Amino acid sequence: MAKMGRPAVENPKKHMVGLKMTDDEIERLKTYAAKKGKTVSEVLQDAINLQYEADKKK
């Protein structure tokens, strides 16, 4: 019988991080994500990657 469920991915996302934000900050983040057609997680991941790349260039 074939395996059921989602196919395995090369680099699974298995860690979760919590972040405290003010009402204004979360509203700005949600608005920005909606404007870009992305999820909040995607926006935060993009921001981390941009910062990491900028720091590598220094």
PDB file of N, CA and C in Angstrom:
ATOM      1  N   MET A   1       0.841  -1.180   0.000  1.00  0.00           N
ATOM      2  CA  MET A   1       0.000   0.000   0.000  1.00  0.00           C
ATOM      3  C   MET A   1       0.888   1.246   0.000  1.00  0.00           C
ATOM      4  N   ALA A   2       0.527   2.258  -0.765  1.00  0.00           N
ATOM      5  CA  ALA A   2       1.311   3.496  -0.881  1.00  0.00           C
ATOM      6  C   ALA A   2       1.212   4.322   0.403  1.00  0.00           C
ATOM      7  N   LYS A   3       2.285   5.096   0.668  1.00  0.00           N
ATOM      8  CA  LYS A   3       2.276   5.977   1.830  1.00  0.00           C
ATOM      9  C   LYS A   3       1.267   7.106   1.608  1.00  0.00           C
ATOM     10  N   MET A   4       0.621   7.489   2.670  1.00  0.00           N
ATOM     11  CA  MET A   4      -0.361   8.568   2.621  1.00  0.00           C
ATOM     12  C   MET A   4       0.264   9.827   3.200  1.00  0.00           C
ATOM     13  N   GLY A   5      -0.333  10.975   2.898  1.00  0.00           N
ATOM     14  CA  GLY A   5       0.114  12.229   3.474  1.00  0.00           C
ATOM     15  C   GLY A   5       0.877  13.080   2.477  1.00  0.00           C
ATOM     16  N   ARG A   6       1.451  14.140   3.000  1.00  0.00           N
ATOM     17  CA  ARG A   6       2.167  15.093   2.162  1.00  0.00           C
ATOM     18  C   ARG A   6       3.530  14.533   1.774  1.00  0.00           C
ATOM     19  N   PRO A   7       3.991  14.901   0.602  1.00  0.00           N
ATOM     20  CA  PRO A   7       5.326  14.443   0.203  1.00  0.00           C
ATOM     21  C   PRO A   7       6.408  15.131   1.040  1.00  0.00           C
ATOM     22  N   ALA A   8       7.517  14.441   1.221  1.00  0.00           N
ATOM     23  CA  ALA A   8       8.627  14.991   2.000  1.00  0.00           C
ATOM     24  C   ALA A   8       9.257  16.158   1.250  1.00  0.00           C
ATOM     25  N   VAL A   9       9.721  17.146   1.998  1.00  0.00           N
ATOM     26  CA  VAL A   9      10.398  18.290   1.395  1.00  0.00           C
ATOM     27  C   VAL A   9      11.881  18.224   1.744  1.00  0.00           C
ATOM     28  N   GLU A  10      12.695  18.909   0.947  1.00  0.00           N
ATOM     29  CA  GLU A  10      14.139  18.862   1.130  1.00  0.00           C
ATOM     30  C   GLU A  10      14.581  19.481   2.457  1.00  0.00           C
ATOM     31  N   ASN A  11      13.997  20.623   2.806  1.00  0.00           N
ATOM     32  CA  ASN A  11      14.397  21.325   4.023  1.00  0.00           C
ATOM     33  C   ASN A  11      13.137  21.703   4.812  1.00  0.00           C
ATOM     34  N   PRO A  12      12.600  20.771   5.605  1.00  0.00           N
ATOM     35  CA  PRO A  12      11.319  21.033   6.294  1.00  0.00           C
ATOM     36  C   PRO A  12      11.443  22.132   7.339  1.00  0.00           C
ATOM     37  N   LYS A  13      10.376  22.897   7.484  1.00  0.00           N
ATOM     38  CA  LYS A  13      10.316  23.957   8.499  1.00  0.00           C
ATOM     39  C   LYS A  13       9.693  23.343   9.743  1.00  0.00           C
ATOM     40  N   LYS A  14      10.530  23.079  10.730  1.00  0.00           N
ATOM     41  CA  LYS A  14      10.048  22.395  11.926  1.00  0.00           C
ATOM     42  C   LYS A  14      10.233  23.206  13.204  1.00  0.00           C
ATOM     43  N   HIS A  15      10.691  24.449  13.081  1.00  0.00           N
ATOM     44  CA  HIS A  15      10.899  25.299  14.258  1.00  0.00           C
ATOM     45  C   HIS A  15       9.918  26.461  14.232  1.00  0.00           C
ATOM     46  N   MET A  16       9.393  26.801  15.412  1.00  0.00           N
ATOM     47  CA  MET A  16       8.471  27.917  15.534  1.00  0.00           C
ATOM     48  C   MET A  16       9.067  28.932  16.495  1.00  0.00           C
ATOM     49  N   VAL A  17       8.933  30.213  16.159  1.00  0.00           N
ATOM     50  CA  VAL A  17       9.468  31.296  16.980  1.00  0.00           C
ATOM     51  C   VAL A  17       8.328  32.226  17.360  1.00  0.00           C
ATOM     52  N   GLY A  18       8.318  32.677  18.597  1.00  0.00           N
ATOM     53  CA  GLY A  18       7.313  33.626  19.059  1.00  0.00           C
ATOM     54  C   GLY A  18       7.876  35.037  19.053  1.00  0.00           C
ATOM     55  N   LEU A  19       7.014  36.024  18.885  1.00  0.00           N
ATOM     56  CA  LEU A  19       7.444  37.414  18.829  1.00  0.00           C
ATOM     57  C   LEU A  19       6.354  38.291  19.435  1.00  0.00           C
ATOM     58  N   LYS A  20       6.735  39.135  20.382  1.00  0.00           N
ATOM     59  CA  LYS A  20       5.768  40.073  20.959  1.00  0.00           C
ATOM     60  C   LYS A  20       5.797  41.352  20.145  1.00  0.00           C
ATOM     61  N   MET A  21       4.614  41.843  19.790  1.00  0.00           N
ATOM     62  CA  MET A  21       4.483  43.059  18.995  1.00  0.00           C
ATOM     63  C   MET A  21       3.361  43.909  19.570  1.00  0.00           C
ATOM     64  N   THR A  22       3.464  45.218  19.353  1.00  0.00           N
ATOM     65  CA  THR A  22       2.388  46.120  19.760  1.00  0.00           C
ATOM     66  C   THR A  22       1.233  45.975  18.765  1.00  0.00           C
ATOM     67  N   ASP A  23       0.086  46.518  19.137  1.00  0.00           N
ATOM     68  CA  ASP A  23      -1.062  46.487  18.227  1.00  0.00           C
ATOM     69  C   ASP A  23      -0.729  47.196  16.920  1.00  0.00           C
ATOM     70  N   ASP A  24      -0.014  48.322  17.011  1.00  0.00           N
ATOM     71  CA  ASP A  24       0.352  49.075  15.815  1.00  0.00           C
ATOM     72  C   ASP A  24       1.300  48.275  14.922  1.00  0.00           C
ATOM     73  N   GLU A  25       2.288  47.629  15.530  1.00  0.00           N
ATOM     74  CA  GLU A  25       3.255  46.854  14.748  1.00  0.00           C
ATOM     75  C   GLU A  25       2.596  45.689  14.018  1.00  0.00           C
ATOM     76  N   ILE A  26       1.715  44.966  14.695  1.00  0.00           N
ATOM     77  CA  ILE A  26       1.073  43.806  14.065  1.00  0.00           C
ATOM     78  C   ILE A  26       0.127  44.262  12.957  1.00  0.00           C
ATOM     79  N   GLU A  27      -0.529  45.382  13.169  1.00  0.00           N
ATOM     80  CA  GLU A  27      -1.428  45.908  12.138  1.00  0.00           C
ATOM     81  C   GLU A  27      -0.637  46.318  10.902  1.00  0.00           C
ATOM     82  N   ARG A  28       0.502  46.981  11.102  1.00  0.00           N
ATOM     83  CA  ARG A  28       1.363  47.371   9.974  1.00  0.00           C
ATOM     84  C   ARG A  28       1.871  46.140   9.239  1.00  0.00           C
ATOM     85  N   LEU A  29       2.257  45.110   9.985  1.00  0.00           N
ATOM     86  CA  LEU A  29       2.762  43.883   9.380  1.00  0.00           C
ATOM     87  C   LEU A  29       1.680  43.189   8.561  1.00  0.00           C
ATOM     88  N   LYS A  30       0.495  43.065   9.112  1.00  0.00           N
ATOM     89  CA  LYS A  30      -0.611  42.418   8.390  1.00  0.00           C
ATOM     90  C   LYS A  30      -1.005  43.206   7.145  1.00  0.00           C
ATOM     91  N   THR A  31      -1.033  44.526   7.262  1.00  0.00           N
ATOM     92  CA  THR A  31      -1.369  45.382   6.121  1.00  0.00           C
ATOM     93  C   THR A  31      -0.334  45.228   5.019  1.00  0.00           C
ATOM     94  N   TYR A  32       0.939  45.250   5.394  1.00  0.00           N
ATOM     95  CA  TYR A  32       2.023  45.095   4.412  1.00  0.00           C
ATOM     96  C   TYR A  32       1.936  43.732   3.727  1.00  0.00           C
ATOM     97  N   ALA A  33       1.714  42.679   4.503  1.00  0.00           N
ATOM     98  CA  ALA A  33       1.618  41.335   3.942  1.00  0.00           C
ATOM     99  C   ALA A  33       0.457  41.240   2.948  1.00  0.00           C
ATOM    100  N   ALA A  34      -0.688  41.781   3.317  1.00  0.00           N
ATOM    101  CA  ALA A  34      -1.848  41.741   2.431  1.00  0.00           C
ATOM    102  C   ALA A  34      -1.580  42.518   1.142  1.00  0.00           C
ATOM    103  N   LYS A  35      -0.941  43.677   1.277  1.00  0.00           N
ATOM    104  CA  LYS A  35      -0.613  44.518   0.122  1.00  0.00           C
ATOM    105  C   LYS A  35       0.314  43.790  -0.850  1.00  0.00           C
ATOM    106  N   LYS A  36       1.245  42.985  -0.307  1.00  0.00           N
ATOM    107  CA  LYS A  36       2.206  42.244  -1.125  1.00  0.00           C
ATOM    108  C   LYS A  36       1.687  40.874  -1.551  1.00  0.00           C
ATOM    109  N   GLY A  37       0.521  40.474  -1.054  1.00  0.00           N
ATOM    110  CA  GLY A  37      -0.035  39.166  -1.394  1.00  0.00           C
ATOM    111  C   GLY A  37       0.751  38.023  -0.769  1.00  0.00           C
ATOM    112  N   LYS A  38       1.294  38.262   0.417  1.00  0.00           N
ATOM    113  CA  LYS A  38       2.089  37.259   1.114  1.00  0.00           C
ATOM    114  C   LYS A  38       1.500  37.003   2.491  1.00  0.00           C
ATOM    115  N   THR A  39       1.949  35.920   3.108  1.00  0.00           N
ATOM    116  CA  THR A  39       1.566  35.667   4.488  1.00  0.00           C
ATOM    117  C   THR A  39       2.502  36.455   5.398  1.00  0.00           C
ATOM    118  N   VAL A  40       2.099  36.614   6.643  1.00  0.00           N
ATOM    119  CA  VAL A  40       2.950  37.286   7.624  1.00  0.00           C
ATOM    120  C   VAL A  40       4.267  36.522   7.760  1.00  0.00           C
ATOM    121  N   SER A  41       4.212  35.209   7.774  1.00  0.00           N
ATOM    122  CA  SER A  41       5.425  34.396   7.870  1.00  0.00           C
ATOM    123  C   SER A  41       6.361  34.646   6.696  1.00  0.00           C
ATOM    124  N   GLU A  42       5.816  34.732   5.496  1.00  0.00           N
ATOM    125  CA  GLU A  42       6.649  34.991   4.316  1.00  0.00           C
ATOM    126  C   GLU A  42       7.324  36.355   4.409  1.00  0.00           C
ATOM    127  N   VAL A  43       6.604  37.360   4.874  1.00  0.00           N
ATOM    128  CA  VAL A  43       7.173  38.702   5.018  1.00  0.00           C
ATOM    129  C   VAL A  43       8.312  38.681   6.039  1.00  0.00           C
ATOM    130  N   LEU A  44       8.117  38.006   7.161  1.00  0.00           N
ATOM    131  CA  LEU A  44       9.158  37.936   8.182  1.00  0.00           C
ATOM    132  C   LEU A  44      10.375  37.152   7.688  1.00  0.00           C
ATOM    133  N   GLN A  45      10.145  36.060   6.962  1.00  0.00           N
ATOM    134  CA  GLN A  45      11.253  35.291   6.402  1.00  0.00           C
ATOM    135  C   GLN A  45      12.030  36.121   5.389  1.00  0.00           C
ATOM    136  N   ASP A  46      11.325  36.878   4.555  1.00  0.00           N
ATOM    137  CA  ASP A  46      11.984  37.758   3.585  1.00  0.00           C
ATOM    138  C   ASP A  46      12.846  38.801   4.302  1.00  0.00           C
ATOM    139  N   ALA A  47      12.306  39.373   5.384  1.00  0.00           N
ATOM    140  CA  ALA A  47      13.037  40.396   6.136  1.00  0.00           C
ATOM    141  C   ALA A  47      14.304  39.811   6.758  1.00  0.00           C
ATOM    142  N   ILE A  48      14.214  38.614   7.292  1.00  0.00           N
ATOM    143  CA  ILE A  48      15.387  37.948   7.876  1.00  0.00           C
ATOM    144  C   ILE A  48      16.428  37.705   6.800  1.00  0.00           C
ATOM    145  N   ASN A  49      16.004  37.210   5.648  1.00  0.00           N
ATOM    146  CA  ASN A  49      16.944  36.932   4.553  1.00  0.00           C
ATOM    147  C   ASN A  49      17.600  38.211   4.038  1.00  0.00           C
ATOM    148  N   LEU A  50      16.835  39.290   3.914  1.00  0.00           N
ATOM    149  CA  LEU A  50      17.399  40.565   3.475  1.00  0.00           C
ATOM    150  C   LEU A  50      18.448  41.083   4.455  1.00  0.00           C
ATOM    151  N   GLN A  51      18.146  41.003   5.738  1.00  0.00           N
ATOM    152  CA  GLN A  51      19.085  41.464   6.769  1.00  0.00           C
ATOM    153  C   GLN A  51      20.343  40.609   6.761  1.00  0.00           C
ATOM    154  N   TYR A  52      20.170  39.304   6.626  1.00  0.00           N
ATOM    155  CA  TYR A  52      21.311  38.393   6.598  1.00  0.00           C
ATOM    156  C   TYR A  52      22.218  38.707   5.419  1.00  0.00           C
ATOM    157  N   GLU A  53      21.643  38.914   4.236  1.00  0.00           N
ATOM    158  CA  GLU A  53      22.431  39.225   3.050  1.00  0.00           C
ATOM    159  C   GLU A  53      23.141  40.577   3.188  1.00  0.00           C
ATOM    160  N   ALA A  54      22.456  41.562   3.769  1.00  0.00           N
ATOM    161  CA  ALA A  54      23.048  42.883   3.966  1.00  0.00           C
ATOM    162  C   ALA A  54      24.238  42.785   4.923  1.00  0.00           C
ATOM    163  N   ASP A  55      24.120  41.991   5.963  1.00  0.00           N
ATOM    164  CA  ASP A  55      25.212  41.833   6.916  1.00  0.00           C
ATOM    165  C   ASP A  55      26.403  41.092   6.306  1.00  0.00           C
ATOM    166  N   LYS A  56      26.135  40.182   5.380  1.00  0.00           N
ATOM    167  CA  LYS A  56      27.217  39.447   4.730  1.00  0.00           C
ATOM    168  C   LYS A  56      28.077  40.372   3.862  1.00  0.00           C
ATOM    169  N   LYS A  57      27.459  41.410   3.323  1.00  0.00           N
ATOM    170  CA  LYS A  57      28.167  42.344   2.433  1.00  0.00           C
ATOM    171  C   LYS A  57      29.065  43.312   3.195  1.00  0.00           C
ATOM    172  N   LYS A  58      28.877  43.427   4.506  1.00  0.00           N
ATOM    173  CA  LYS A  58      29.660  44.370   5.322  1.00  0.00           C
ATOM    174  C   LYS A  58      31.056  43.854   5.566  1.00  0.00           C
TER     175      LYS A  58
END
